[in-house]
PDB file of N, CA and C in Angstrom:
ATOM      1  N   MET A   1       7.410 -18.851  -3.973  1.00  0.00           N
ATOM      2  CA  MET A   1       8.471 -19.087  -3.004  1.00  0.00           C
ATOM      3  C   MET A   1       8.790 -20.580  -3.001  1.00  0.00           C
ATOM      4  N   ASP A   2      10.065 -20.910  -2.919  1.00  0.00           N
ATOM      5  CA  ASP A   2      10.444 -22.316  -2.864  1.00  0.00           C
ATOM      6  C   ASP A   2      10.611 -22.749  -1.402  1.00  0.00           C
ATOM      7  N   CYS A   3      10.717 -24.049  -1.214  1.00  0.00           N
ATOM      8  CA  CYS A   3      10.792 -24.608   0.144  1.00  0.00           C
ATOM      9  C   CYS A   3      12.035 -24.138   0.894  1.00  0.00           C
ATOM     10  N   ARG A   4      13.147 -24.040   0.214  1.00  0.00           N
ATOM     11  CA  ARG A   4      14.391 -23.609   0.871  1.00  0.00           C
ATOM     12  C   ARG A   4      14.219 -22.203   1.456  1.00  0.00           C
ATOM     13  N   THR A   5      13.611 -21.307   0.690  1.00  0.00           N
ATOM     14  CA  THR A   5      13.385 -19.936   1.157  1.00  0.00           C
ATOM     15  C   THR A   5      12.423 -19.936   2.337  1.00  0.00           C
ATOM     16  N   ALA A   6      11.349 -20.701   2.212  1.00  0.00           N
ATOM     17  CA  ALA A   6      10.365 -20.769   3.301  1.00  0.00           C
ATOM     18  C   ALA A   6      10.997 -21.303   4.584  1.00  0.00           C
ATOM     19  N   GLU A   7      11.784 -22.353   4.462  1.00  0.00           N
ATOM     20  CA  GLU A   7      12.429 -22.930   5.636  1.00  0.00           C
ATOM     21  C   GLU A   7      13.402 -21.954   6.287  1.00  0.00           C
ATOM     22  N   SER A   8      14.019 -21.110   5.477  1.00  0.00           N
ATOM     23  CA  SER A   8      14.948 -20.130   6.043  1.00  0.00           C
ATOM     24  C   SER A   8      14.210 -19.010   6.775  1.00  0.00           C
ATOM     25  N   MET A   9      12.903 -18.902   6.570  1.00  0.00           N
ATOM     26  CA  MET A   9      12.120 -17.830   7.182  1.00  0.00           C
ATOM     27  C   MET A   9      11.368 -18.285   8.438  1.00  0.00           C
ATOM     28  N   VAL A  10      11.433 -19.563   8.765  1.00  0.00           N
ATOM     29  CA  VAL A  10      10.669 -20.108   9.888  1.00  0.00           C
ATOM     30  C   VAL A  10      10.977 -19.378  11.193  1.00  0.00           C
ATOM     31  N   THR A  11      12.237 -19.250  11.526  1.00  0.00           N
ATOM     32  CA  THR A  11      12.568 -18.604  12.805  1.00  0.00           C
ATOM     33  C   THR A  11      12.178 -17.126  12.805  1.00  0.00           C
ATOM     34  N   ARG A  12      12.287 -16.475  11.660  1.00  0.00           N
ATOM     35  CA  ARG A  12      11.865 -15.067  11.583  1.00  0.00           C
ATOM     36  C   ARG A  12      10.355 -14.949  11.741  1.00  0.00           C
ATOM     37  N   PHE A  13       9.597 -15.938  11.256  1.00  0.00           N
ATOM     38  CA  PHE A  13       8.151 -15.946  11.479  1.00  0.00           C
ATOM     39  C   PHE A  13       7.861 -16.071  12.974  1.00  0.00           C
ATOM     40  N   ILE A  14       8.521 -17.003  13.608  1.00  0.00           N
ATOM     41  CA  ILE A  14       8.303 -17.236  15.037  1.00  0.00           C
ATOM     42  C   ILE A  14       8.691 -16.004  15.848  1.00  0.00           C
ATOM     43  N   ASP A  15       9.735 -15.297  15.423  1.00  0.00           N
ATOM     44  CA  ASP A  15      10.198 -14.092  16.126  1.00  0.00           C
ATOM     45  C   ASP A  15       9.448 -12.828  15.702  1.00  0.00           C
ATOM     46  N   HIS A  16       8.491 -12.977  14.789  1.00  0.00           N
ATOM     47  CA  HIS A  16       7.699 -11.841  14.273  1.00  0.00           C
ATOM     48  C   HIS A  16       8.591 -10.778  13.621  1.00  0.00           C
ATOM     49  N   SER A  17       9.564 -11.213  12.855  1.00  0.00           N
ATOM     50  CA  SER A  17      10.473 -10.238  12.241  1.00  0.00           C
ATOM     51  C   SER A  17      10.410 -10.238  10.711  1.00  0.00           C
ATOM     52  N   LEU A  18       9.351 -10.818  10.133  1.00  0.00           N
ATOM     53  CA  LEU A  18       9.177 -10.766   8.682  1.00  0.00           C
ATOM     54  C   LEU A  18       8.449  -9.484   8.300  1.00  0.00           C
ATOM     55  N   SER A  19       8.807  -8.931   7.149  1.00  0.00           N
ATOM     56  CA  SER A  19       8.054  -7.782   6.643  1.00  0.00           C
ATOM     57  C   SER A  19       6.671  -8.273   6.220  1.00  0.00           C
ATOM     58  N   VAL A  20       5.771  -7.364   5.979  1.00  0.00           N
ATOM     59  CA  VAL A  20       4.411  -7.742   5.588  1.00  0.00           C
ATOM     60  C   VAL A  20       4.430  -8.574   4.305  1.00  0.00           C
ATOM     61  N   ASN A  21       5.210  -8.154   3.315  1.00  0.00           N
ATOM     62  CA  ASN A  21       5.286  -8.907   2.057  1.00  0.00           C
ATOM     63  C   ASN A  21       5.898 -10.287   2.256  1.00  0.00           C
ATOM     64  N   GLU A  22       6.972 -10.357   3.036  1.00  0.00           N
ATOM     65  CA  GLU A  22       7.591 -11.651   3.322  1.00  0.00           C
ATOM     66  C   GLU A  22       6.619 -12.553   4.069  1.00  0.00           C
ATOM     67  N   LEU A  23       5.920 -11.977   5.034  1.00  0.00           N
ATOM     68  CA  LEU A  23       4.972 -12.748   5.833  1.00  0.00           C
ATOM     69  C   LEU A  23       3.872 -13.331   4.954  1.00  0.00           C
ATOM     70  N   GLU A  24       3.338 -12.517   4.057  1.00  0.00           N
ATOM     71  CA  GLU A  24       2.268 -13.003   3.193  1.00  0.00           C
ATOM     72  C   GLU A  24       2.760 -14.130   2.289  1.00  0.00           C
ATOM     73  N   GLU A  25       3.925 -13.953   1.683  1.00  0.00           N
ATOM     74  CA  GLU A  25       4.482 -15.002   0.825  1.00  0.00           C
ATOM     75  C   GLU A  25       4.759 -16.273   1.623  1.00  0.00           C
ATOM     76  N   PHE A  26       5.301 -16.108   2.814  1.00  0.00           N
ATOM     77  CA  PHE A  26       5.598 -17.253   3.674  1.00  0.00           C
ATOM     78  C   PHE A  26       4.326 -18.017   4.018  1.00  0.00           C
ATOM     79  N   LEU A  27       3.288 -17.290   4.462  1.00  0.00           N
ATOM     80  CA  LEU A  27       2.031 -17.940   4.830  1.00  0.00           C
ATOM     81  C   LEU A  27       1.389 -18.626   3.627  1.00  0.00           C
ATOM     82  N   ASP A  28       1.430 -17.965   2.478  1.00  0.00           N
ATOM     83  CA  ASP A  28       0.884 -18.588   1.270  1.00  0.00           C
ATOM     84  C   ASP A  28       1.583 -19.910   0.986  1.00  0.00           C
ATOM     85  N   HIS A  29       2.904 -19.930   1.174  1.00  0.00           N
ATOM     86  CA  HIS A  29       3.662 -21.152   0.893  1.00  0.00           C
ATOM     87  C   HIS A  29       3.367 -22.246   1.916  1.00  0.00           C
ATOM     88  N   ILE A  30       3.468 -21.923   3.187  1.00  0.00           N
ATOM     89  CA  ILE A  30       3.321 -22.996   4.191  1.00  0.00           C
ATOM     90  C   ILE A  30       1.887 -23.532   4.251  1.00  0.00           C
ATOM     91  N   GLU A  31       0.935 -22.735   3.810  1.00  0.00           N
ATOM     92  CA  GLU A  31      -0.451 -23.222   3.799  1.00  0.00           C
ATOM     93  C   GLU A  31      -0.716 -24.155   2.619  1.00  0.00           C
ATOM     94  N   THR A  32       0.204 -24.221   1.657  1.00  0.00           N
ATOM     95  CA  THR A  32       0.025 -25.125   0.519  1.00  0.00           C
ATOM     96  C   THR A  32       1.115 -26.188   0.438  1.00  0.00           C
ATOM     97  N   CYS A  33       2.077 -26.127   1.342  1.00  0.00           N
ATOM     98  CA  CYS A  33       3.191 -27.077   1.318  1.00  0.00           C
ATOM     99  C   CYS A  33       3.243 -27.829   2.653  1.00  0.00           C
ATOM    100  N   PRO A  34       2.751 -29.055   2.679  1.00  0.00           N
ATOM    101  CA  PRO A  34       2.730 -29.820   3.939  1.00  0.00           C
ATOM    102  C   PRO A  34       4.108 -30.001   4.562  1.00  0.00           C
ATOM    103  N   SER A  35       5.130 -30.162   3.744  1.00  0.00           N
ATOM    104  CA  SER A  35       6.488 -30.354   4.258  1.00  0.00           C
ATOM    105  C   SER A  35       6.960 -29.123   5.026  1.00  0.00           C
ATOM    106  N   CYS A  36       6.750 -27.949   4.443  1.00  0.00           N
ATOM    107  CA  CYS A  36       7.185 -26.713   5.106  1.00  0.00           C
ATOM    108  C   CYS A  36       6.316 -26.412   6.321  1.00  0.00           C
ATOM    109  N   TYR A  37       5.031 -26.743   6.244  1.00  0.00           N
ATOM    110  CA  TYR A  37       4.157 -26.549   7.398  1.00  0.00           C
ATOM    111  C   TYR A  37       4.638 -27.418   8.556  1.00  0.00           C
ATOM    112  N   ASP A  38       4.990 -28.665   8.260  1.00  0.00           N
ATOM    113  CA  ASP A  38       5.506 -29.565   9.305  1.00  0.00           C
ATOM    114  C   ASP A  38       6.786 -29.011   9.917  1.00  0.00           C
ATOM    115  N   GLU A  39       7.646 -28.447   9.072  1.00  0.00           N
ATOM    116  CA  GLU A  39       8.889 -27.831   9.564  1.00  0.00           C
ATOM    117  C   GLU A  39       8.569 -26.676  10.505  1.00  0.00           C
ATOM    118  N   LEU A  40       7.646 -25.820  10.086  1.00  0.00           N
ATOM    119  CA  LEU A  40       7.220 -24.701  10.924  1.00  0.00           C
ATOM    120  C   LEU A  40       6.625 -25.203  12.226  1.00  0.00           C
ATOM    121  N   GLU A  41       5.769 -26.198  12.132  1.00  0.00           N
ATOM    122  CA  GLU A  41       5.110 -26.748  13.328  1.00  0.00           C
ATOM    123  C   GLU A  41       6.140 -27.272  14.322  1.00  0.00           C
ATOM    124  N   THR A  42       7.141 -27.967  13.829  1.00  0.00           N
ATOM    125  CA  THR A  42       8.190 -28.510  14.701  1.00  0.00           C
ATOM    126  C   THR A  42       8.937 -27.389  15.425  1.00  0.00           C
ATOM    127  N   TYR A  43       9.391 -26.399  14.673  1.00  0.00           N
ATOM    128  CA  TYR A  43      10.110 -25.278  15.284  1.00  0.00           C
ATOM    129  C   TYR A  43       9.215 -24.506  16.255  1.00  0.00           C
ATOM    130  N   PHE A  44       7.957 -24.310  15.869  1.00  0.00           N
ATOM    131  CA  PHE A  44       7.022 -23.566  16.710  1.00  0.00           C
ATOM    132  C   PHE A  44       6.798 -24.297  18.034  1.00  0.00           C
ATOM    133  N   ILE A  45       6.589 -25.598  17.972  1.00  0.00           N
ATOM    134  CA  ILE A  45       6.351 -26.389  19.191  1.00  0.00           C
ATOM    135  C   ILE A  45       7.576 -26.335  20.098  1.00  0.00           C
ATOM    136  N   VAL A  46       8.767 -26.499  19.522  1.00  0.00           N
ATOM    137  CA  VAL A  46       9.993 -26.427  20.331  1.00  0.00           C
ATOM    138  C   VAL A  46      10.127 -25.048  20.965  1.00  0.00           C
ATOM    139  N   HIS A  47       9.879 -24.014  20.184  1.00  0.00           N
ATOM    140  CA  HIS A  47       9.969 -22.646  20.706  1.00  0.00           C
ATOM    141  C   HIS A  47       8.978 -22.424  21.847  1.00  0.00           C
ATOM    142  N   GLU A  48       7.734 -22.815  21.650  1.00  0.00           N
ATOM    143  CA  GLU A  48       6.713 -22.624  22.680  1.00  0.00           C
ATOM    144  C   GLU A  48       7.008 -23.473  23.920  1.00  0.00           C
ATOM    145  N   ALA A  49       7.492 -24.687  23.725  1.00  0.00           N
ATOM    146  CA  ALA A  49       7.833 -25.545  24.868  1.00  0.00           C
ATOM    147  C   ALA A  49       8.969 -24.920  25.674  1.00  0.00           C
ATOM    148  N   MET A  50       9.950 -24.359  24.986  1.00  0.00           N
ATOM    149  CA  MET A  50      11.052 -23.696  25.686  1.00  0.00           C
ATOM    150  C   MET A  50      10.541 -22.476  26.456  1.00  0.00           C
ATOM    151  N   GLN A  51       9.609 -21.747  25.851  1.00  0.00           N
ATOM    152  CA  GLN A  51       9.004 -20.602  26.538  1.00  0.00           C
ATOM    153  C   GLN A  51       8.322 -21.062  27.817  1.00  0.00           C
ATOM    154  N   GLN A  52       7.623 -22.187  27.749  1.00  0.00           N
ATOM    155  CA  GLN A  52       6.930 -22.711  28.920  1.00  0.00           C
ATOM    156  C   GLN A  52       7.912 -23.104  30.018  1.00  0.00           C
ATOM    157  N   LEU A  53       9.060 -23.647  29.634  1.00  0.00           N
ATOM    158  CA  LEU A  53      10.067 -24.021  30.619  1.00  0.00           C
ATOM    159  C   LEU A  53      10.642 -22.791  31.308  1.00  0.00           C
ATOM    160  N   ASP A  54      10.751 -21.688  30.549  1.00  0.00           N
ATOM    161  CA  ASP A  54      11.307 -20.455  31.099  1.00  0.00           C
ATOM    162  C   ASP A  54      10.309 -19.718  31.996  1.00  0.00           C
ATOM    163  N   GLU A  55       9.013 -19.930  31.754  1.00  0.00           N
ATOM    164  CA  GLU A  55       7.990 -19.229  32.525  1.00  0.00           C
ATOM    165  C   GLU A  55       7.569 -20.061  33.724  1.00  0.00           C
ATOM    166  N   LYS A  56       6.807 -19.435  34.590  1.00  0.00           N
ATOM    167  CA  LYS A  56       6.317 -20.111  35.784  1.00  0.00           C
ATOM    168  C   LYS A  56       5.399 -21.263  35.387  1.00  0.00           C
ATOM    169  N   GLU A  57       5.657 -22.417  35.941  1.00  0.00           N
ATOM    170  CA  GLU A  57       4.864 -23.607  35.650  1.00  0.00           C
ATOM    171  C   GLU A  57       3.571 -23.565  36.458  1.00  0.00           C
ATOM    172  N   ASP A  58       2.425 -23.597  35.769  1.00  0.00           N
ATOM    173  CA  ASP A  58       1.139 -23.598  36.473  1.00  0.00           C
ATOM    174  C   ASP A  58       0.377 -24.899  36.263  1.00  0.00           C
ATOM    175  N   GLY A  59       1.021 -25.877  35.612  1.00  0.00           N
ATOM    176  CA  GLY A  59       0.416 -27.184  35.455  1.00  0.00           C
ATOM    177  C   GLY A  59      -0.501 -27.318  34.246  1.00  0.00           C
ATOM    178  N   THR A  60      -0.730 -26.253  33.493  1.00  0.00           N
ATOM    179  CA  THR A  60      -1.599 -26.360  32.334  1.00  0.00           C
ATOM    180  C   THR A  60      -0.834 -26.943  31.159  1.00  0.00           C
ATOM    181  N   VAL A  61      -1.558 -27.662  30.328  1.00  0.00           N
ATOM    182  CA  VAL A  61      -0.973 -28.253  29.133  1.00  0.00           C
ATOM    183  C   VAL A  61      -1.484 -27.468  27.934  1.00  0.00           C
ATOM    184  N   LEU A  62      -0.565 -27.002  27.115  1.00  0.00           N
ATOM    185  CA  LEU A  62      -0.944 -26.200  25.956  1.00  0.00           C
ATOM    186  C   LEU A  62      -1.091 -27.074  24.717  1.00  0.00           C
ATOM    187  N   ASP A  63      -2.023 -26.688  23.874  1.00  0.00           N
ATOM    188  CA  ASP A  63      -2.201 -27.327  22.579  1.00  0.00           C
ATOM    189  C   ASP A  63      -1.378 -26.521  21.575  1.00  0.00           C
ATOM    190  N   PHE A  64      -0.155 -26.984  21.311  1.00  0.00           N
ATOM    191  CA  PHE A  64       0.770 -26.225  20.480  1.00  0.00           C
ATOM    192  C   PHE A  64       0.286 -26.088  19.038  1.00  0.00           C
ATOM    193  N   LYS A  65      -0.367 -27.108  18.528  1.00  0.00           N
ATOM    194  CA  LYS A  65      -0.897 -27.022  17.168  1.00  0.00           C
ATOM    195  C   LYS A  65      -1.957 -25.938  17.079  1.00  0.00           C
ATOM    196  N   LYS A  66      -2.799 -25.862  18.098  1.00  0.00           N
ATOM    197  CA  LYS A  66      -3.828 -24.813  18.126  1.00  0.00           C
ATOM    198  C   LYS A  66      -3.176 -23.438  18.240  1.00  0.00           C
ATOM    199  N   LEU A  67      -2.124 -23.336  19.049  1.00  0.00           N
ATOM    200  CA  LEU A  67      -1.407 -22.068  19.170  1.00  0.00           C
ATOM    201  C   LEU A  67      -0.808 -21.639  17.835  1.00  0.00           C
ATOM    202  N   LEU A  68      -0.280 -22.587  17.064  1.00  0.00           N
ATOM    203  CA  LEU A  68       0.281 -22.266  15.753  1.00  0.00           C
ATOM    204  C   LEU A  68      -0.816 -21.776  14.812  1.00  0.00           C
ATOM    205  N   GLU A  69      -1.946 -22.454  14.813  1.00  0.00           N
ATOM    206  CA  GLU A  69      -3.067 -22.028  13.970  1.00  0.00           C
ATOM    207  C   GLU A  69      -3.509 -20.616  14.347  1.00  0.00           C
ATOM    208  N   GLN A  70      -3.557 -20.324  15.642  1.00  0.00           N
ATOM    209  CA  GLN A  70      -3.923 -18.983  16.101  1.00  0.00           C
ATOM    210  C   GLN A  70      -2.889 -17.954  15.643  1.00  0.00           C
ATOM    211  N   GLU A  71      -1.633 -18.318  15.695  1.00  0.00           N
ATOM    212  CA  GLU A  71      -0.560 -17.405  15.265  1.00  0.00           C
ATOM    213  C   GLU A  71      -0.663 -17.125  13.770  1.00  0.00           C
ATOM    214  N   ILE A  72      -0.980 -18.126  12.983  1.00  0.00           N
ATOM    215  CA  ILE A  72      -1.147 -17.931  11.547  1.00  0.00           C
ATOM    216  C   ILE A  72      -2.341 -17.026  11.278  1.00  0.00           C
ATOM    217  N   ARG A  73      -3.463 -17.243  11.972  1.00  0.00           N
ATOM    218  CA  ARG A  73      -4.635 -16.368  11.801  1.00  0.00           C
ATOM    219  C   ARG A  73      -4.313 -14.936  12.229  1.00  0.00           C
ATOM    220  N   ARG A  74      -3.572 -14.786  13.324  1.00  0.00           N
ATOM    221  CA  ARG A  74      -3.189 -13.452  13.788  1.00  0.00           C
ATOM    222  C   ARG A  74      -2.304 -12.762  12.747  1.00  0.00           C
ATOM    223  N   SER A  75      -1.416 -13.513  12.154  1.00  0.00           N
ATOM    224  CA  SER A  75      -0.531 -12.956  11.122  1.00  0.00           C
ATOM    225  C   SER A  75      -1.328 -12.513   9.899  1.00  0.00           C
ATOM    226  N   ARG A  76      -2.307 -13.304   9.497  1.00  0.00           N
ATOM    227  CA  ARG A  76      -3.160 -12.923   8.350  1.00  0.00           C
ATOM    228  C   ARG A  76      -3.934 -11.635   8.664  1.00  0.00           C
ATOM    229  N   ARG A  77      -4.470 -11.532   9.896  1.00  0.00           N
ATOM    230  CA  ARG A  77      -5.176 -10.308  10.308  1.00  0.00           C
ATOM    231  C   ARG A  77      -4.235  -9.110  10.266  1.00  0.00           C
ATOM    232  N   SER A  78      -3.026  -9.300  10.726  1.00  0.00           N
ATOM    233  CA  SER A  78      -2.031  -8.231  10.733  1.00  0.00           C
ATOM    234  C   SER A  78      -1.741  -7.752   9.311  1.00  0.00           C
ATOM    235  N   ILE A  79      -1.626  -8.693   8.378  1.00  0.00           N
ATOM    236  CA  ILE A  79      -1.393  -8.332   6.976  1.00  0.00           C
ATOM    237  C   ILE A  79      -2.567  -7.502   6.454  1.00  0.00           C
ATOM    238  N   ARG A  80      -3.792  -7.966   6.700  1.00  0.00           N
ATOM    239  CA  ARG A  80      -4.974  -7.228   6.224  1.00  0.00           C
ATOM    240  C   ARG A  80      -5.038  -5.833   6.830  1.00  0.00           C
ATOM    241  N   GLN A  81      -4.741  -5.719   8.120  1.00  0.00           N
ATOM    242  CA  GLN A  81      -4.778  -4.411   8.776  1.00  0.00           C
ATOM    243  C   GLN A  81      -3.718  -3.478   8.199  1.00  0.00           C
ATOM    244  N   THR A  82      -2.516  -3.985   8.017  1.00  0.00           N
ATOM    245  CA  THR A  82      -1.435  -3.158   7.470  1.00  0.00           C
ATOM    246  C   THR A  82      -1.774  -2.692   6.065  1.00  0.00           C
ATOM    247  N   ARG A  83      -2.272  -3.594   5.246  1.00  0.00           N
ATOM    248  CA  ARG A  83      -2.650  -3.217   3.875  1.00  0.00           C
ATOM    249  C   ARG A  83      -3.811  -2.224   3.886  1.00  0.00           C
ATOM    250  N   GLY A  84      -4.769  -2.399   4.803  1.00  0.00           N
ATOM    251  CA  GLY A  84      -5.888  -1.466   4.915  1.00  0.00           C
ATOM    252  C   GLY A  84      -5.434  -0.081   5.323  1.00  0.00           C
ATOM    253  N   ILE A  85      -4.509  -0.025   6.260  1.00  0.00           N
ATOM    254  CA  ILE A  85      -3.972   1.263   6.700  1.00  0.00           C
ATOM    255  C   ILE A  85      -3.224   1.937   5.551  1.00  0.00           C
ATOM    256  N   ARG A  86      -2.413   1.181   4.843  1.00  0.00           N
ATOM    257  CA  ARG A  86      -1.668   1.740   3.704  1.00  0.00           C
ATOM    258  C   ARG A  86      -2.630   2.266   2.633  1.00  0.00           C
ATOM    259  N   PHE A  87      -3.701   1.513   2.359  1.00  0.00           N
ATOM    260  CA  PHE A  87      -4.684   1.937   1.366  1.00  0.00           C
ATOM    261  C   PHE A  87      -5.360   3.231   1.810  1.00  0.00           C
ATOM    262  N   THR A  88      -5.756   3.294   3.087  1.00  0.00           N
ATOM    263  CA  THR A  88      -6.428   4.482   3.614  1.00  0.00           C
ATOM    264  C   THR A  88      -5.506   5.698   3.554  1.00  0.00           C
ATOM    265  N   VAL A  89      -4.262   5.529   3.949  1.00  0.00           N
ATOM    266  CA  VAL A  89      -3.300   6.632   3.899  1.00  0.00           C
ATOM    267  C   VAL A  89      -3.100   7.084   2.453  1.00  0.00           C
ATOM    268  N   GLY A  90      -3.002   6.152   1.531  1.00  0.00           N
ATOM    269  CA  GLY A  90      -2.855   6.494   0.115  1.00  0.00           C
ATOM    270  C   GLY A  90      -4.065   7.243  -0.412  1.00  0.00           C
ATOM    271  N   LEU A  91      -5.245   6.793  -0.013  1.00  0.00           N
ATOM    272  CA  LEU A  91      -6.479   7.455  -0.442  1.00  0.00           C
ATOM    273  C   LEU A  91      -6.563   8.874   0.106  1.00  0.00           C
ATOM    274  N   ILE A  92      -6.223   9.043   1.360  1.00  0.00           N
ATOM    275  CA  ILE A  92      -6.234  10.378   1.972  1.00  0.00           C
ATOM    276  C   ILE A  92      -5.204  11.275   1.306  1.00  0.00           C
ATOM    277  N   SER A  93      -4.029  10.728   1.035  1.00  0.00           N
ATOM    278  CA  SER A  93      -2.979  11.512   0.361  1.00  0.00           C
ATOM    279  C   SER A  93      -3.433  11.953  -1.020  1.00  0.00           C
ATOM    280  N   MET A  94      -4.078  11.044  -1.750  1.00  0.00           N
ATOM    281  CA  MET A  94      -4.559  11.376  -3.078  1.00  0.00           C
ATOM    282  C   MET A  94      -5.640  12.458  -3.002  1.00  0.00           C
ATOM    283  N   ALA A  95      -6.545  12.342  -2.045  1.00  0.00           N
ATOM    284  CA  ALA A  95      -7.598  13.350  -1.880  1.00  0.00           C
ATOM    285  C   ALA A  95      -6.992  14.708  -1.533  1.00  0.00           C
ATOM    286  N   ALA A  96      -5.968  14.695  -0.686  1.00  0.00           N
ATOM    287  CA  ALA A  96      -5.305  15.948  -0.317  1.00  0.00           C
ATOM    288  C   ALA A  96      -4.602  16.560  -1.533  1.00  0.00           C
ATOM    289  N   ALA A  97      -3.977  15.737  -2.350  1.00  0.00           N
ATOM    290  CA  ALA A  97      -3.298  16.236  -3.551  1.00  0.00           C
ATOM    291  C   ALA A  97      -4.301  16.845  -4.531  1.00  0.00           C
ATOM    292  N   VAL A  98      -5.440  16.184  -4.704  1.00  0.00           N
ATOM    293  CA  VAL A  98      -6.479  16.712  -5.594  1.00  0.00           C
ATOM    294  C   VAL A  98      -7.008  18.036  -5.045  1.00  0.00           C
ATOM    295  N   ALA A  99      -7.256  18.093  -3.743  1.00  0.00           N
ATOM    296  CA  ALA A  99      -7.745  19.330  -3.128  1.00  0.00           C
ATOM    297  C   ALA A  99      -6.732  20.459  -3.307  1.00  0.00           C
ATOM    298  N   LEU A 100      -5.456  20.153  -3.144  1.00  0.00           N
ATOM    299  CA  LEU A 100      -4.407  21.158  -3.325  1.00  0.00           C
ATOM    300  C   LEU A 100      -4.371  21.643  -4.775  1.00  0.00           C
ATOM    301  N   CYS A 101      -4.491  20.729  -5.727  1.00  0.00           N
ATOM    302  CA  CYS A 101      -4.502  21.111  -7.144  1.00  0.00           C
ATOM    303  C   CYS A 101      -5.694  22.019  -7.450  1.00  0.00           C
ATOM    304  N   VAL A 102      -6.850  21.682  -6.940  1.00  0.00           N
ATOM    305  CA  VAL A 102      -8.043  22.500  -7.155  1.00  0.00           C
ATOM    306  C   VAL A 102      -7.838  23.877  -6.540  1.00  0.00           C
ATOM    307  N   PHE A 103      -7.277  23.927  -5.358  1.00  0.00           N
ATOM    308  CA  PHE A 103      -7.019  25.199  -4.683  1.00  0.00           C
ATOM    309  C   PHE A 103      -6.058  26.059  -5.509  1.00  0.00           C
ATOM    310  N   VAL A 104      -4.965  25.440  -5.990  1.00  0.00           N
ATOM    311  CA  VAL A 104      -3.979  26.180  -6.788  1.00  0.00           C
ATOM    312  C   VAL A 104      -4.609  26.682  -8.076  1.00  0.00           C
ATOM    313  N   ILE A 105      -5.420  25.881  -8.713  1.00  0.00           N
ATOM    314  CA  ILE A 105      -6.081  26.310  -9.946  1.00  0.00           C
ATOM    315  C   ILE A 105      -6.975  27.516  -9.679  1.00  0.00           C
ATOM    316  N   PHE A 106      -7.739  27.480  -8.604  1.00  0.00           N
ATOM    317  CA  PHE A 106      -8.608  28.607  -8.274  1.00  0.00           C
ATOM    318  C   PHE A 106      -7.797  29.860  -7.958  1.00  0.00           C
ATOM    319  N   VAL A 107      -6.666  29.703  -7.274  1.00  0.00           N
ATOM    320  CA  VAL A 107      -5.815  30.847  -6.944  1.00  0.00           C
ATOM    321  C   VAL A 107      -5.204  31.434  -8.209  1.00  0.00           C
ATOM    322  N   ILE A 108      -4.698  30.580  -9.106  1.00  0.00           N
ATOM    323  CA  ILE A 108      -4.066  31.042 -10.346  1.00  0.00           C
ATOM    324  C   ILE A 108      -5.091  31.727 -11.246  1.00  0.00           C
ATOM    325  N   LEU A 109      -6.248  31.126 -11.367  1.00  0.00           N
ATOM    326  CA  LEU A 109      -7.262  31.698 -12.253  1.00  0.00           C
ATOM    327  C   LEU A 109      -7.995  32.881 -11.621  1.00  0.00           C
ATOM    328  N   GLY A 110      -7.806  33.050 -10.318  1.00  0.00           N
ATOM    329  CA  GLY A 110      -8.429  34.168  -9.607  1.00  0.00           C
ATOM    330  C   GLY A 110      -9.935  34.028  -9.508  1.00  0.00           C
ATOM    331  N   VAL A 111     -10.418  32.829  -9.462  1.00  0.00           N
ATOM    332  CA  VAL A 111     -11.857  32.592  -9.361  1.00  0.00           C
ATOM    333  C   VAL A 111     -12.325  32.751  -7.952  1.00  0.00           C
TER     334      VAL A 111
END
């Protein structure tokens, strides 16, 4: 992924609207590109600060950089979970197909 593509995905990352594949490519890029990470950090901080202005003020000060790191870790976990679910569903589907084939063979052969 190039920087232009990554930068165009920043707001979609913040809004949680990237597909799993897009999210993985985006995270891979921003974790190796300091310029794009800084761009993401800037947008993320502005977004979170605006959220704080819209919500009830309780006097706490947030560590926006820490929040971004947590969001990136959460996104990585989400990718792993989605891929794990897809793998499990594929494995179950394959097992069901094999079981069906074995059943059909036994029915056809009259065993």
